[in-house]
Every structure is written in structure tokens, then in C-alpha cells.
Amino acid sequence: MRWPPQPTSRPVRGSGCDCAPPAYRSGAARRAAADELAGAKLRAAYNDFAAELTRRRNLTQLVEAR
């Protein structure tokens, strides 16, 4: 980022600022944002899978208890 900061509404190209629209983000910032999104999707899928396993385990225990 340039110093001192320039009074402009457009972000400095390559600054990696998250407030910048995707077109103005640096390559590393875009990759980091994509990795973060992929990680969030993976965590959500894992949580769904774990919840389904727990539900099935609970149902199995209910059936076996009868």
C-alpha cells in the first residue's frame, strides 16, 4: 500500500484489502478468500455428516433398547 494513503475511493491495486472488490484484490488475497470459502464449505459438509452419524447412532441405540 502506498504511503501516505491516497484519498481515493478506489483501492490501491494489489493492496490485498478485503474491502476491495474482487477485481482489485491481489492474487494472494483472492486465493486466500477462495481457500477460506472452501474451508467453510468443507466444515459445513463435515458437520452435516457428523450430525447424520449421530442421528443414526441414536436411532440404533433406541431400536436396540427395545
Protein backbone atom coordinates (compact mmCIF):
# COMPACT_ATOMS: atom_id res chain seq x y z
CA MET A 1 0.00 0.00 0.00
CA ARG A 2 1.24 3.49 -0.80
CA TRP A 3 2.25 5.79 1.99
CA PRO A 4 0.83 8.23 2.81
CA PRO A 5 -2.59 6.84 1.94
CA GLN A 6 -4.10 8.49 -1.11
CA PRO A 7 -7.60 9.98 -0.80
CA THR A 8 -9.37 7.84 -3.35
CA SER A 9 -12.44 5.67 -3.46
CA ARG A 10 -10.60 3.00 -5.47
CA PRO A 11 -8.29 0.73 -3.51
CA VAL A 12 -4.62 0.59 -4.37
CA ARG A 13 -4.12 -2.23 -6.85
CA GLY A 14 -2.54 -5.27 -5.21
CA SER A 15 -3.11 -4.00 -1.68
CA GLY A 16 -4.98 -7.18 -0.72
CA CYS A 17 -7.55 -5.11 1.16
CA ASP A 18 -10.67 -7.19 1.86
CA CYS A 19 -12.85 -4.13 1.33
CA ALA A 20 -11.81 -4.02 -2.32
CA PRO A 21 -13.99 -5.63 -4.94
CA PRO A 22 -12.61 -8.97 -6.18
CA ALA A 23 -11.28 -7.41 -9.39
CA TYR A 24 -8.92 -5.18 -7.40
CA ARG A 25 -7.66 -7.79 -4.95
CA SER A 26 -4.20 -9.22 -5.34
CA GLY A 27 -3.80 -12.81 -6.49
CA ALA A 28 -2.78 -13.90 -3.00
CA ALA A 29 -5.83 -12.22 -1.46
CA ARG A 30 -8.13 -13.90 -4.00
CA ARG A 31 -6.57 -17.30 -3.28
CA ALA A 32 -6.86 -16.73 0.47
CA ALA A 33 -10.54 -15.80 0.10
CA ALA A 34 -11.16 -18.87 -2.08
CA ASP A 35 -9.35 -21.10 0.44
CA GLU A 36 -11.40 -19.63 3.28
CA LEU A 37 -14.65 -20.26 1.39
CA ALA A 38 -13.60 -23.82 0.54
CA GLY A 39 -12.70 -24.42 4.18
CA ALA A 40 -16.07 -23.12 5.32
CA LYS A 41 -17.87 -25.40 2.85
CA LEU A 42 -15.77 -28.36 3.98
CA ARG A 43 -16.53 -27.66 7.65
CA ALA A 44 -20.24 -27.38 6.88
CA ALA A 45 -20.19 -30.69 5.00
CA TYR A 46 -18.30 -32.38 7.84
CA ASN A 47 -20.75 -31.02 10.42
CA ASP A 48 -23.69 -32.31 8.36
CA PHE A 49 -22.01 -35.71 8.10
CA ALA A 50 -21.28 -35.84 11.84
CA ALA A 51 -24.88 -34.85 12.64
CA GLU A 52 -26.19 -37.63 10.38
CA LEU A 53 -23.89 -40.19 12.05
CA THR A 54 -25.06 -39.07 15.48
CA ARG A 55 -28.70 -39.29 14.42
CA ARG A 56 -28.22 -42.82 13.07
CA ARG A 57 -26.31 -43.90 16.18
CA ASN A 58 -29.10 -42.57 18.39
CA LEU A 59 -31.73 -44.38 16.31
CA THR A 60 -29.75 -47.62 16.52
CA GLN A 61 -29.50 -47.30 20.29
CA LEU A 62 -33.25 -46.71 20.53
CA VAL A 63 -34.00 -49.82 18.47
CA GLU A 64 -31.55 -51.96 20.45
CA ALA A 65 -33.00 -50.75 23.76
CA ARG A 66 -36.45 -52.12 22.90
